[in-house]
Amino acid sequence: MGGDLLIDTYGRKINYLRLSVTDRCNFRCFYCLSQKDFVLKRHDAILSYEQILKVAKIMSGLGVKYIKITGGEPLLRKGICEFVSKLTALPFKDVSLTTNGFYLEEKADGLKEAGLKRINISIDSLDKNGFVKITGFDGLSQVLRGIKKAKEAGFNPIKINAVALKGNKNQLSDFLDFASELSIQMRFIESMAADKSYFLSNQELIDMLGNRLTLMEESGLGPASYYCLDSNGIKVGFISPYSKKFCSSCNRLRLTADGYLKPCLFSDNKLNIKQLLDNGSTDKEIEDVIIEAVASKPKDHDFKVLTDNMNCIGG
C-alpha cells in the first residue's frame, strides 16, 4: 500500500503526524499542565519505541510524509537518539523535534548524528524570574546553552517557539533581538489552555511589533503566518489557533504517548491504537483504524476546553 490515502471527508490531505513519545516533562508550565490532579501514565501504558515505529511505518505507507517528535519533553525518554535514528531511516520527507531545550547541551550531537536535521525549542521568557514563574523551574541558563549547542551541532533551521502571554509581552522585542543575534527563526503561539486570563492574541503582538515586521508570501509546512524581521531575512512566525484558526488547511494527526490517535486537538474523539498493538492486530487492521480516524476528523474545532493536558497530546 502506498500513496496519498489519507484524505478526509472535507478533501484535506493528511500527511503530517505529531508523535508524542512521553508525557513526562521536567518543567511545569502552567498553561500546559492545567489539571491540578494530573497523574503521569504508568510505564506500561506508554507506547514502546517498537510500537511507535510500527505505527510510523504504517503511516508512511498511507502517505504521511512529515513527523514531529514531541512530548512531554521528548529528550527525557531514554534511548531517544537511537529511536530518532530508526525513525529517520524510514521514508519520510522530514522528521523534526520539539523540545524545551534543557537537555539539548547533552543531546544535540547525538540527535544530529541520528539524522535529525531541524529542531524547535520552546522558551517563553528570556528573563530568569519570568522563566521560573512560567515553568516552575530555574533552567533558563541551561536552555540558552542548549540553543547555542544546537547551533554548533548544525541544526537548520532552528525555530524558537514562545507562547504569547500577557505576562511576557514586554519581552517581545527582546525575543526578536535574540532571534536576530543568533540568526534563528522566531515563532509566537497563542495559548491553548482553558484559563484565558493571560491570553494574548497574535494580532495584538503584530500590532505591537508591526514597525519591525514585513509580511512574507511564503508559508511553511504548518499553520504559521510568516513575517520578515527588520529586512534582515530572519523569519518570524505567528500561530493563531484561536484568533485565526486554520482548520480548513489542517493536515495533521496526533498520536499521544499512551497510544491514542487524535484527528483533532480540540476534539474528544480518539482511537486506541495501543490496544490494537498490544493485541497483535495486523497492519491492515491498524491501517483501517487510521483511515477511520481521518474520516472522523471534524471540519473545524469549536474552541472547547482541552480534556487532556498538552504534555500527553504533544500540542
Protein backbone atom coordinates (compact mmCIF):
# COMPACT_ATOMS: atom_id res chain seq x y z
CA MET A 1 0.00 0.00 0.00
CA GLY A 2 1.26 3.49 -0.77
CA GLY A 3 0.32 6.94 -1.99
CA ASP A 4 -1.84 9.68 -0.55
CA LEU A 5 -4.55 7.54 1.01
CA LEU A 6 -5.39 9.74 3.97
CA ILE A 7 -7.86 12.29 2.62
CA ASP A 8 -10.64 13.31 4.97
CA THR A 9 -14.32 13.99 4.36
CA TYR A 10 -13.57 17.62 3.50
CA GLY A 11 -10.83 16.91 0.98
CA ARG A 12 -7.88 17.69 3.25
CA LYS A 13 -4.79 15.58 2.59
CA ILE A 14 -3.47 14.28 5.93
CA ASN A 15 0.30 13.89 5.64
CA TYR A 16 1.65 15.12 8.99
CA LEU A 17 1.90 13.20 12.28
CA ARG A 18 2.70 14.74 15.66
CA LEU A 19 4.21 11.94 17.69
CA SER A 20 4.33 12.19 21.49
CA VAL A 21 6.94 9.81 22.93
CA THR A 22 6.37 10.65 26.61
CA ASP A 23 4.01 12.51 28.92
CA ARG A 24 6.88 13.39 31.27
CA CYS A 25 8.46 16.82 31.49
CA ASN A 26 10.92 18.44 33.87
CA PHE A 27 9.07 21.77 33.52
CA ARG A 28 5.62 22.56 34.94
CA CYS A 29 4.38 25.29 32.62
CA PHE A 30 1.02 26.46 33.94
CA TYR A 31 -0.64 26.62 30.51
CA CYS A 32 0.37 23.03 29.72
CA LEU A 33 -0.25 21.15 32.97
CA SER A 34 -3.58 22.81 33.65
CA GLN A 35 -5.18 19.94 35.57
CA LYS A 36 -4.16 20.04 39.22
CA ASP A 37 -4.94 16.35 39.70
CA PHE A 38 -2.79 15.27 36.75
CA VAL A 39 -1.14 11.88 37.20
CA LEU A 40 1.65 10.56 34.98
CA LYS A 41 0.88 7.45 32.97
CA ARG A 42 2.30 4.13 34.11
CA HIS A 43 5.30 2.92 32.11
CA ASP A 44 3.30 0.04 30.63
CA ALA A 45 0.61 2.48 29.49
CA ILE A 46 3.05 4.29 27.20
CA LEU A 47 3.79 3.11 23.68
CA SER A 48 7.12 1.34 23.33
CA TYR A 49 9.56 2.61 20.74
CA GLU A 50 8.92 -0.55 18.73
CA GLN A 51 5.19 0.17 18.70
CA ILE A 52 5.73 3.78 17.69
CA LEU A 53 8.00 2.74 14.83
CA LYS A 54 5.43 0.19 13.66
CA VAL A 55 2.73 2.86 13.53
CA ALA A 56 5.12 5.29 11.82
CA LYS A 57 5.94 2.72 9.13
CA ILE A 58 2.24 2.08 8.52
CA MET A 59 1.59 5.82 8.38
CA SER A 60 4.35 6.23 5.82
CA GLY A 61 2.68 3.66 3.63
CA LEU A 62 -0.57 5.60 3.85
CA GLY A 63 1.02 8.84 2.69
CA VAL A 64 2.27 10.55 5.85
CA LYS A 65 5.41 12.46 4.89
CA TYR A 66 6.18 14.65 7.90
CA ILE A 67 6.84 13.68 11.52
CA LYS A 68 7.18 15.95 14.54
CA ILE A 69 8.50 14.25 17.70
CA THR A 70 7.00 15.80 20.83
CA GLY A 71 6.32 15.06 24.50
CA GLY A 72 6.09 15.96 27.33
CA GLU A 73 9.76 16.58 26.93
CA PRO A 74 10.98 14.01 24.38
CA LEU A 75 14.64 14.23 25.44
CA LEU A 76 13.68 12.86 28.86
CA ARG A 77 12.93 9.46 27.39
CA LYS A 78 15.83 7.00 27.50
CA GLY A 79 17.13 5.86 24.13
CA ILE A 80 15.73 8.85 22.26
CA CYS A 81 18.73 9.20 19.93
CA GLU A 82 18.59 5.55 18.87
CA PHE A 83 14.84 5.91 18.31
CA VAL A 84 15.38 9.01 16.15
CA SER A 85 17.97 7.10 14.13
CA LYS A 86 15.43 4.37 13.36
CA LEU A 87 12.68 6.88 12.61
CA THR A 88 14.79 8.94 10.20
CA ALA A 89 15.67 5.73 8.35
CA LEU A 90 12.01 5.41 7.31
CA PRO A 91 10.95 7.13 4.04
CA PHE A 92 9.67 10.42 5.47
CA LYS A 93 10.42 13.75 3.80
CA ASP A 94 11.03 15.41 7.13
CA VAL A 95 11.47 14.39 10.77
CA SER A 96 11.80 17.16 13.35
CA LEU A 97 11.60 17.50 17.12
CA THR A 98 10.20 19.98 19.64
CA THR A 99 11.99 20.34 22.97
CA ASN A 100 12.17 22.70 25.94
CA GLY A 101 15.92 22.80 25.32
CA PHE A 102 17.05 21.84 28.82
CA TYR A 103 18.78 18.62 27.69
CA LEU A 104 20.00 19.89 24.32
CA GLU A 105 23.50 20.68 25.50
CA GLU A 106 23.86 16.98 26.27
CA LYS A 107 21.79 15.51 23.42
CA ALA A 108 22.31 17.80 20.40
CA ASP A 109 25.28 15.97 18.86
CA GLY A 110 23.63 12.57 19.28
CA LEU A 111 20.40 13.77 17.69
CA LYS A 112 22.28 15.25 14.73
CA GLU A 113 24.21 12.02 14.25
CA ALA A 114 20.89 10.16 14.38
CA GLY A 115 19.73 12.02 11.28
CA LEU A 116 17.66 14.82 12.80
CA LYS A 117 18.10 17.98 10.73
CA ARG A 118 15.89 20.59 12.34
CA ILE A 119 14.57 21.37 15.78
CA ASN A 120 12.05 23.59 17.58
CA ILE A 121 12.90 24.93 21.03
CA SER A 122 10.23 26.27 23.37
CA ILE A 123 11.18 29.21 25.58
CA ASP A 124 8.59 31.65 26.92
CA SER A 125 10.77 34.15 28.78
CA LEU A 126 14.31 35.46 28.44
CA ASP A 127 14.18 36.79 31.98
CA LYS A 128 15.26 34.43 34.76
CA ASN A 129 12.42 35.30 37.13
CA GLY A 130 9.85 35.25 34.35
CA PHE A 131 11.14 31.88 33.20
CA VAL A 132 10.76 30.41 36.70
CA LYS A 133 7.27 31.87 37.05
CA ILE A 134 6.09 30.23 33.82
CA THR A 135 7.91 26.89 34.04
CA GLY A 136 8.28 26.39 37.79
CA PHE A 137 11.93 25.58 37.11
CA ASP A 138 15.18 27.54 37.26
CA GLY A 139 16.54 26.41 33.91
CA LEU A 140 16.95 29.43 31.66
CA SER A 141 20.76 29.39 31.51
CA GLN A 142 20.74 25.67 30.68
CA VAL A 143 18.21 26.21 27.89
CA LEU A 144 20.26 29.06 26.42
CA ARG A 145 23.33 26.82 26.41
CA GLY A 146 21.23 24.16 24.69
CA ILE A 147 20.23 26.59 21.95
CA LYS A 148 23.87 27.52 21.41
CA LYS A 149 24.82 23.83 21.26
CA ALA A 150 22.07 23.15 18.71
CA LYS A 151 23.57 25.89 16.53
CA GLU A 152 27.04 24.40 16.88
CA ALA A 153 25.72 20.93 16.02
CA GLY A 154 24.41 22.26 12.71
CA PHE A 155 20.63 22.06 13.07
CA ASN A 156 18.94 24.13 10.38
CA PRO A 157 16.50 25.65 10.74
CA ILE A 158 16.26 26.19 14.48
CA LYS A 159 12.90 27.65 15.46
CA ILE A 160 12.24 29.27 18.83
CA ASN A 161 8.64 28.86 20.00
CA ALA A 162 7.21 31.26 22.58
CA VAL A 163 3.65 31.11 23.89
CA ALA A 164 2.11 34.56 23.74
CA LEU A 165 1.18 35.58 27.30
CA LYS A 166 0.20 38.91 28.83
CA GLY A 167 2.98 38.41 31.36
CA ASN A 168 5.75 38.29 28.76
CA LYS A 169 4.55 40.86 26.21
CA ASN A 170 7.17 43.32 27.47
CA GLN A 171 9.81 40.89 26.13
CA LEU A 172 8.56 40.77 22.54
CA SER A 173 11.32 42.96 21.13
CA ASP A 174 13.86 41.06 23.22
CA PHE A 175 12.75 37.83 21.55
CA LEU A 176 13.19 39.40 18.11
CA ASP A 177 16.64 40.70 19.02
CA PHE A 178 17.54 37.26 20.39
CA ALA A 179 16.48 35.54 17.17
CA SER A 180 18.28 38.12 15.05
CA GLU A 181 21.50 37.82 17.02
CA LEU A 182 21.56 34.02 16.61
CA SER A 183 20.15 34.02 13.04
CA ILE A 184 17.34 31.65 14.00
CA GLN A 185 13.60 31.72 13.40
CA MET A 186 11.15 33.05 15.99
CA ARG A 187 7.54 31.91 16.35
CA PHE A 188 4.79 33.14 18.66
CA ILE A 189 1.97 30.74 19.53
CA GLU A 190 -1.36 31.61 21.10
CA SER A 191 -2.03 29.81 24.38
CA MET A 192 -4.47 26.90 24.07
CA ALA A 193 -5.11 26.45 27.82
CA ALA A 194 -8.52 26.81 29.44
CA ASP A 195 -7.63 29.86 31.54
CA LYS A 196 -7.76 32.86 29.22
CA SER A 197 -6.89 35.46 31.87
CA TYR A 198 -3.37 35.69 30.43
CA PHE A 199 -4.37 35.15 26.78
CA LEU A 200 -2.74 37.44 24.24
CA SER A 201 -3.77 37.23 20.61
CA ASN A 202 -1.12 37.18 17.94
CA GLN A 203 -2.80 40.14 16.27
CA GLU A 204 -2.00 42.16 19.39
CA LEU A 205 1.63 41.07 19.05
CA ILE A 206 1.72 42.01 15.37
CA ASP A 207 0.25 45.41 16.20
CA MET A 208 2.97 45.94 18.83
CA LEU A 209 5.80 44.80 16.56
CA GLY A 210 4.46 45.93 13.20
CA ASN A 211 7.17 48.52 12.58
CA ARG A 212 9.77 45.72 12.63
CA LEU A 213 7.90 43.18 10.51
CA THR A 214 7.15 42.75 6.81
CA LEU A 215 4.61 40.13 5.73
CA MET A 216 6.08 37.29 3.67
CA GLU A 217 4.18 35.48 0.92
CA GLU A 218 5.68 32.07 1.63
CA SER A 219 4.44 29.69 4.30
CA GLY A 220 5.95 26.56 5.84
CA LEU A 221 4.54 23.08 6.34
CA GLY A 222 2.36 24.20 9.22
CA PRO A 223 -0.16 26.90 10.10
CA ALA A 224 2.18 29.81 10.82
CA SER A 225 1.89 33.17 9.09
CA TYR A 226 5.42 34.45 8.46
CA TYR A 227 6.95 37.89 8.54
CA CYS A 228 10.45 39.13 7.80
CA LEU A 229 12.24 40.87 10.67
CA ASP A 230 13.85 44.28 10.07
CA SER A 231 14.51 43.38 6.43
CA ASN A 232 17.39 41.14 7.55
CA GLY A 233 15.84 37.86 6.41
CA ILE A 234 15.04 36.46 9.86
CA LYS A 235 11.62 34.77 9.76
CA VAL A 236 9.06 35.47 12.47
CA GLY A 237 6.01 33.23 12.55
CA PHE A 238 2.63 33.57 14.26
CA ILE A 239 0.47 30.51 15.00
CA SER A 240 -3.06 31.56 15.94
CA PRO A 241 -5.38 28.62 16.75
CA TYR A 242 -7.88 30.91 18.47
CA SER A 243 -7.90 34.27 16.75
CA LYS A 244 -7.24 32.94 13.24
CA LYS A 245 -7.95 29.23 13.22
CA PHE A 246 -6.52 27.22 10.34
CA CYS A 247 -8.82 24.18 10.30
CA SER A 248 -9.50 24.40 6.56
CA SER A 249 -5.85 23.57 5.83
CA CYS A 250 -5.17 21.23 8.76
CA ASN A 251 -3.10 18.29 7.54
CA ARG A 252 -2.27 16.50 10.79
CA LEU A 253 -2.99 13.68 13.15
CA ARG A 254 -1.67 13.28 16.70
CA LEU A 255 -0.51 10.07 18.34
CA THR A 256 -0.47 10.50 22.11
CA ALA A 257 2.16 8.98 24.37
CA ASP A 258 -0.37 6.44 25.61
CA GLY A 259 -1.31 5.35 22.12
CA TYR A 260 -4.45 7.26 21.17
CA LEU A 261 -4.81 8.66 17.67
CA LYS A 262 -6.45 12.09 17.73
CA PRO A 263 -7.71 13.55 14.44
CA CYS A 264 -8.24 16.97 16.07
CA LEU A 265 -6.52 18.57 19.05
CA PHE A 266 -9.77 20.09 20.31
CA SER A 267 -11.96 17.01 19.82
CA ASP A 268 -12.74 14.31 22.38
CA ASN A 269 -12.67 11.79 19.54
CA LYS A 270 -9.68 9.46 19.75
CA LEU A 271 -8.99 5.88 18.71
CA ASN A 272 -6.98 3.41 20.79
CA ILE A 273 -4.04 2.30 18.65
CA LYS A 274 -2.13 0.85 21.61
CA GLN A 275 -4.86 -1.67 22.30
CA LEU A 276 -4.56 -2.93 18.73
CA LEU A 277 -0.79 -3.18 19.02
CA ASP A 278 -0.95 -4.95 22.38
CA ASN A 279 -3.44 -7.44 20.94
CA GLY A 280 -1.24 -8.26 17.95
CA SER A 281 -3.50 -6.72 15.31
CA THR A 282 -2.36 -6.93 11.71
CA ASP A 283 -1.02 -3.94 9.79
CA LYS A 284 -4.24 -3.94 7.74
CA GLU A 285 -6.36 -3.71 10.89
CA ILE A 286 -4.27 -0.79 12.13
CA GLU A 287 -4.47 0.88 8.71
CA ASP A 288 -8.26 0.63 8.84
CA VAL A 289 -8.36 2.37 12.22
CA ILE A 290 -6.07 5.15 10.96
CA ILE A 291 -8.32 5.63 7.93
CA GLU A 292 -11.33 5.67 10.28
CA ALA A 293 -9.65 8.37 12.38
CA VAL A 294 -9.07 10.51 9.30
CA ALA A 295 -12.70 10.04 8.23
CA SER A 296 -13.84 11.27 11.65
CA LYS A 297 -11.74 14.46 11.51
CA PRO A 298 -14.17 17.36 12.07
CA LYS A 299 -14.49 20.25 9.64
CA ASP A 300 -13.28 22.63 12.32
CA HIS A 301 -12.99 22.98 16.07
CA ASP A 302 -15.27 24.92 18.39
CA PHE A 303 -12.63 26.19 20.82
CA LYS A 304 -13.77 23.79 23.51
CA VAL A 305 -11.60 23.25 26.56
CA LEU A 306 -8.94 20.59 26.11
CA THR A 307 -9.83 17.47 28.09
CA ASP A 308 -6.23 16.24 28.06
CA ASN A 309 -3.14 18.03 29.30
CA MET A 310 -0.88 19.21 26.49
CA ASN A 311 2.06 17.22 27.82
CA CYS A 312 0.48 13.93 26.71
CA ILE A 313 -1.01 15.18 23.44
CA GLY A 314 2.12 16.92 22.24
CA GLY A 315 0.49 20.17 21.08
